[in-house]
Amino acid sequence: MKLVIILALVAFAAARPDGDYSRYENFEVDETISNLRLLKSFVYCFLDRGKCTPEAADFKKWVPEVLETDCAKCSEHQKSLIAQVLEAISQKLPEEWEELKKKHNPDGKFDDTVREFLAKYGKNKQLIHSVMKLIIMSALLALAAARPGDDYSKYDNFDIDEVTNNDRLTKAYAHCFIGEGKCTPEGLDFKKWIPDALQNKCAKCSDKQKVLVARIIKALIERLPEEWKKLNKLHNPDGKYDETITEFVKQYGN
């Protein structure tokens, strides 16, 4: 009887007109699937074993659609989000995954549908897309770096303190540099200077550029050690530029 009521409520919710899911366009699903505590809270919501946040409640509505109809009523973006969450549950919380399947797919007749859905929209699919995007971005950056006559005069009055004194902005720049986030136009310019700064004391930079990039490198070293470790590994994997970096930051980073 309880199952009948739950399925009736799910069907009712799925049939609601004008459901506004636009807030999920920028939903950071990686924060959920990389945090085991958050992931567990989602799956406990799905299994009626815990409270549901508004986001988990929405995902819960989509789960039966996924397991039974390939999420036919979902948008492409919703499919990607729910697939990544379900894939993470299947990999990191196998017992809860079996409970979830038993709840919505007790006789296993939708197993193929689920496998195909996760293969098409899950994290591995997103990873391939991200790699291709990174390759394209790298090619565009190389082309941009090769352009003669780049005008960086706009940085003559750039207030680097607004970036280095704001952890959120500093982290956004760091994620741009290491290919884990979007880049602002300023972030892209800094990203071009970083390899030269780390390997050659920014020999091709103006004195103003050297100060700007040294200050942001110093902020990463002091306040975002994990991001700095990734950036340093990207451009200085064997540590042969360690001394150069130290001297550069000491000379221009204060």
Protein backbone atom coordinates (compact mmCIF):
# COMPACT_ATOMS: atom_id res chain seq x y z
CA MET A 1 0.00 0.00 0.00
CA LYS A 2 2.84 2.38 0.91
CA LEU A 3 4.55 1.67 -2.42
CA VAL A 4 1.32 2.42 -4.30
CA ILE A 5 0.96 5.76 -2.51
CA ILE A 6 4.62 6.70 -3.16
CA LEU A 7 4.38 5.83 -6.85
CA ALA A 8 1.12 7.79 -7.12
CA LEU A 9 2.76 10.85 -5.58
CA VAL A 10 5.78 10.52 -7.89
CA ALA A 11 3.49 10.23 -10.92
CA PHE A 12 1.58 13.30 -9.77
CA ALA A 13 4.77 15.31 -9.31
CA ALA A 14 6.12 14.25 -12.69
CA ALA A 15 2.88 15.32 -14.35
CA ARG A 16 2.90 18.84 -12.87
CA PRO A 17 2.97 21.47 -15.61
CA ASP A 18 5.54 24.25 -15.72
CA GLY A 19 8.00 22.70 -13.26
CA ASP A 20 10.77 25.27 -13.05
CA TYR A 21 14.13 23.52 -12.87
CA SER A 22 16.10 26.41 -14.37
CA ARG A 23 18.01 26.78 -11.08
CA TYR A 24 19.80 23.54 -11.92
CA GLU A 25 21.48 25.02 -15.00
CA ASN A 26 24.45 25.96 -12.80
CA PHE A 27 24.05 23.23 -10.18
CA GLU A 28 27.49 21.99 -9.09
CA VAL A 29 26.87 18.24 -9.08
CA ASP A 30 30.55 17.51 -8.38
CA GLU A 31 30.12 18.99 -4.89
CA THR A 32 27.51 16.30 -4.20
CA ILE A 33 29.15 13.25 -5.75
CA SER A 34 32.62 14.00 -4.37
CA ASN A 35 31.32 14.45 -0.81
CA LEU A 36 30.28 11.11 0.68
CA ARG A 37 28.21 12.78 3.41
CA LEU A 38 26.19 14.78 0.85
CA LEU A 39 25.85 11.76 -1.40
CA LYS A 40 24.51 9.68 1.49
CA SER A 41 21.98 12.38 2.36
CA PHE A 42 20.69 12.27 -1.22
CA VAL A 43 20.36 8.48 -1.30
CA TYR A 44 18.73 8.38 2.15
CA CYS A 45 16.19 10.86 0.83
CA PHE A 46 15.58 8.62 -2.21
CA LEU A 47 15.05 5.62 0.09
CA ASP A 48 12.80 7.49 2.57
CA ARG A 49 15.40 6.96 5.29
CA GLY A 50 16.24 10.62 5.80
CA LYS A 51 15.09 14.17 5.27
CA CYS A 52 15.13 15.65 1.76
CA THR A 53 16.66 18.98 0.85
CA PRO A 54 14.74 20.81 -1.92
CA GLU A 55 17.35 19.63 -4.43
CA ALA A 56 17.28 16.01 -3.25
CA ALA A 57 13.48 16.09 -3.37
CA ASP A 58 13.61 17.12 -7.04
CA PHE A 59 16.18 14.43 -7.85
CA LYS A 60 13.95 11.92 -6.07
CA LYS A 61 11.15 12.73 -8.53
CA TRP A 62 13.43 11.95 -11.46
CA VAL A 63 14.75 8.60 -10.13
CA PRO A 64 11.74 6.42 -11.15
CA GLU A 65 11.81 8.02 -14.62
CA VAL A 66 15.47 7.09 -14.97
CA LEU A 67 15.10 3.50 -13.83
CA GLU A 68 12.00 2.84 -15.89
CA THR A 69 11.95 5.10 -18.98
CA ASP A 70 15.48 6.44 -19.51
CA CYS A 71 14.29 9.71 -17.92
CA ALA A 72 12.15 10.41 -20.96
CA LYS A 73 10.50 13.47 -19.38
CA CYS A 74 13.80 15.01 -18.25
CA SER A 75 15.78 17.70 -20.04
CA GLU A 76 19.27 16.81 -21.27
CA HIS A 77 20.78 18.70 -18.35
CA GLN A 78 18.59 16.92 -15.80
CA LYS A 79 19.63 13.59 -17.33
CA SER A 80 23.29 14.48 -16.90
CA LEU A 81 22.81 15.53 -13.26
CA ILE A 82 20.79 12.51 -12.14
CA ALA A 83 23.03 10.10 -14.07
CA GLN A 84 26.14 11.38 -12.31
CA VAL A 85 24.47 11.11 -8.90
CA LEU A 86 23.19 7.57 -9.57
CA GLU A 87 26.54 6.51 -10.98
CA ALA A 88 28.27 7.80 -7.84
CA ILE A 89 25.79 5.92 -5.63
CA SER A 90 26.36 2.68 -7.56
CA GLN A 91 30.15 3.02 -7.21
CA LYS A 92 30.51 4.46 -3.69
CA LEU A 93 27.40 3.19 -1.89
CA PRO A 94 26.68 -0.24 -3.42
CA GLU A 95 24.35 -1.40 -0.61
CA GLU A 96 22.15 1.68 -0.94
CA TRP A 97 22.27 1.29 -4.72
CA GLU A 98 20.87 -2.22 -4.44
CA GLU A 99 18.11 -0.94 -2.15
CA LEU A 100 17.25 1.80 -4.63
CA LYS A 101 17.09 -0.66 -7.52
CA LYS A 102 14.97 -3.04 -5.45
CA LYS A 103 12.55 -0.20 -4.72
CA HIS A 104 12.02 0.88 -8.33
CA ASN A 105 13.25 -2.12 -10.33
CA PRO A 106 12.54 -5.21 -8.18
CA ASP A 107 12.49 -7.77 -10.98
CA GLY A 108 15.48 -6.28 -12.86
CA LYS A 109 13.57 -5.71 -16.09
CA PHE A 110 14.97 -2.19 -16.41
CA ASP A 111 18.63 -3.19 -15.87
CA ASP A 112 19.58 -2.59 -19.51
CA THR A 113 17.81 0.77 -19.52
CA VAL A 114 19.73 1.87 -16.44
CA ARG A 115 23.10 0.71 -17.78
CA GLU A 116 22.56 2.48 -21.09
CA PHE A 117 21.41 5.65 -19.35
CA LEU A 118 24.46 5.81 -17.07
CA ALA A 119 26.81 5.04 -19.95
CA LYS A 120 25.28 7.82 -22.02
CA TYR A 121 24.94 10.56 -19.40
CA GLY A 122 27.20 9.58 -16.47
CA LYS A 123 30.52 10.97 -15.25
CA ASN A 124 32.64 9.07 -17.79
CA LYS A 125 30.68 10.70 -20.60
CA GLN A 126 31.14 14.10 -18.96
CA LEU A 127 34.86 13.41 -18.51
CA ILE A 128 35.31 12.74 -22.23
CA HIS A 129 33.43 15.95 -22.97
CA SER A 130 35.61 17.89 -20.52
CA VAL A 131 38.83 16.50 -22.02
CA MET A 132 37.71 17.50 -25.52
CA LYS A 133 36.74 20.93 -24.23
CA LEU A 134 40.15 21.28 -22.56
CA ILE A 135 41.94 20.30 -25.78
CA ILE A 136 39.98 22.89 -27.75
CA MET A 137 40.59 25.53 -25.05
CA SER A 138 44.33 24.77 -25.04
CA ALA A 139 44.47 25.15 -28.83
CA LEU A 140 42.64 28.48 -28.64
CA LEU A 141 44.95 29.68 -25.87
CA ALA A 142 48.02 28.70 -27.88
CA LEU A 143 46.66 30.62 -30.84
CA ALA A 144 45.89 33.61 -28.66
CA ALA A 145 49.36 33.51 -27.09
CA ALA A 146 50.92 33.57 -30.54
CA ARG A 147 49.09 36.73 -31.63
CA PRO A 148 51.46 39.71 -32.02
CA GLY A 149 50.79 43.01 -30.30
CA ASP A 150 48.63 41.91 -27.38
CA ASP A 151 47.58 45.04 -25.47
CA TYR A 152 47.91 44.59 -21.72
CA SER A 153 47.78 48.29 -20.90
CA LYS A 154 44.43 47.70 -19.17
CA TYR A 155 46.38 46.07 -16.33
CA ASP A 156 48.31 49.25 -15.51
CA ASN A 157 45.63 50.11 -12.94
CA PHE A 158 44.47 46.56 -12.16
CA ASP A 159 43.82 46.14 -8.42
CA ILE A 160 45.32 42.75 -7.65
CA ASP A 161 44.36 43.14 -3.97
CA GLU A 162 40.70 42.66 -4.92
CA VAL A 163 41.64 39.18 -6.13
CA THR A 164 44.23 38.10 -3.58
CA ASN A 165 42.20 39.34 -0.58
CA ASN A 166 39.10 37.45 -1.70
CA ASP A 167 39.34 33.66 -1.29
CA ARG A 168 36.44 33.05 -3.69
CA LEU A 169 38.06 35.11 -6.48
CA THR A 170 41.51 33.64 -5.81
CA LYS A 171 40.06 30.13 -6.03
CA ALA A 172 38.24 31.00 -9.28
CA TYR A 173 41.53 32.17 -10.81
CA ALA A 174 43.31 29.02 -9.57
CA HIS A 175 40.66 26.74 -11.06
CA CYS A 176 41.00 28.61 -14.36
CA PHE A 177 44.79 28.11 -14.32
CA ILE A 178 44.53 24.34 -13.71
CA GLY A 179 41.63 23.73 -16.11
CA GLU A 180 39.03 22.98 -13.44
CA GLY A 181 36.85 26.05 -13.91
CA LYS A 182 35.78 28.80 -16.25
CA CYS A 183 38.13 31.68 -17.05
CA THR A 184 37.32 35.36 -17.05
CA PRO A 185 39.16 37.45 -19.68
CA GLU A 186 41.58 38.51 -16.93
CA GLY A 187 42.00 34.92 -15.79
CA LEU A 188 42.90 33.90 -19.35
CA ASP A 189 45.58 36.57 -19.56
CA PHE A 190 47.09 35.52 -16.23
CA LYS A 191 46.96 31.91 -17.37
CA LYS A 192 49.16 32.81 -20.36
CA TRP A 193 51.78 34.38 -18.09
CA ILE A 194 51.89 31.57 -15.51
CA PRO A 195 54.17 29.09 -17.37
CA ASP A 196 56.72 31.82 -18.14
CA ALA A 197 56.52 33.02 -14.53
CA LEU A 198 57.11 29.56 -13.07
CA GLN A 199 59.85 28.53 -15.48
CA ASN A 200 61.63 31.73 -16.45
CA LYS A 201 60.75 34.45 -13.89
CA CYS A 202 58.23 35.83 -16.40
CA ALA A 203 61.04 37.06 -18.67
CA LYS A 204 58.58 38.08 -21.40
CA CYS A 205 56.39 40.04 -18.96
CA SER A 206 56.46 43.74 -18.17
CA ASP A 207 57.36 44.71 -14.60
CA LYS A 208 53.68 45.35 -13.89
CA GLN A 209 52.71 41.89 -15.16
CA LYS A 210 55.45 40.34 -13.03
CA VAL A 211 54.05 41.96 -9.89
CA LEU A 212 50.49 40.89 -10.70
CA VAL A 213 51.31 37.27 -11.43
CA ALA A 214 53.79 37.00 -8.53
CA ARG A 215 51.16 38.31 -6.11
CA ILE A 216 48.57 35.79 -7.20
CA ILE A 217 51.10 32.92 -7.11
CA LYS A 218 52.04 33.97 -3.58
CA ALA A 219 48.35 33.96 -2.58
CA LEU A 220 47.95 30.43 -3.95
CA ILE A 221 51.05 29.18 -2.14
CA GLU A 222 49.95 30.66 1.19
CA ARG A 223 46.17 30.15 1.14
CA LEU A 224 45.29 27.47 -1.42
CA PRO A 225 48.03 24.83 -1.08
CA GLU A 226 46.07 22.08 -2.87
CA GLU A 227 45.44 24.26 -5.94
CA TRP A 228 49.05 25.47 -5.86
CA LYS A 229 50.27 21.87 -5.75
CA LYS A 230 48.25 21.08 -8.90
CA LEU A 231 49.44 24.21 -10.71
CA ASN A 232 53.08 23.61 -9.80
CA LYS A 233 52.81 19.99 -10.89
CA LEU A 234 51.33 21.13 -14.21
CA HIS A 235 54.23 23.45 -15.11
CA ASN A 236 57.04 22.21 -12.82
CA PRO A 237 56.49 18.44 -12.47
CA ASP A 238 60.05 17.53 -11.56
CA GLY A 239 60.68 20.56 -9.32
CA LYS A 240 63.57 21.92 -11.35
CA TYR A 241 62.11 25.44 -11.28
CA ASP A 242 61.55 25.54 -7.51
CA GLU A 243 64.39 27.96 -6.92
CA THR A 244 63.34 30.17 -9.83
CA ILE A 245 59.78 30.36 -8.46
CA THR A 246 60.97 31.18 -4.94
CA GLU A 247 63.20 34.00 -6.21
CA PHE A 248 60.47 35.35 -8.50
CA VAL A 249 57.83 35.47 -5.76
CA LYS A 250 60.30 36.98 -3.29
CA GLN A 251 61.34 39.71 -5.74
CA TYR A 252 57.89 40.68 -7.11
CA GLY A 253 55.28 39.20 -4.78
CA ASN A 254 55.41 41.69 -1.87
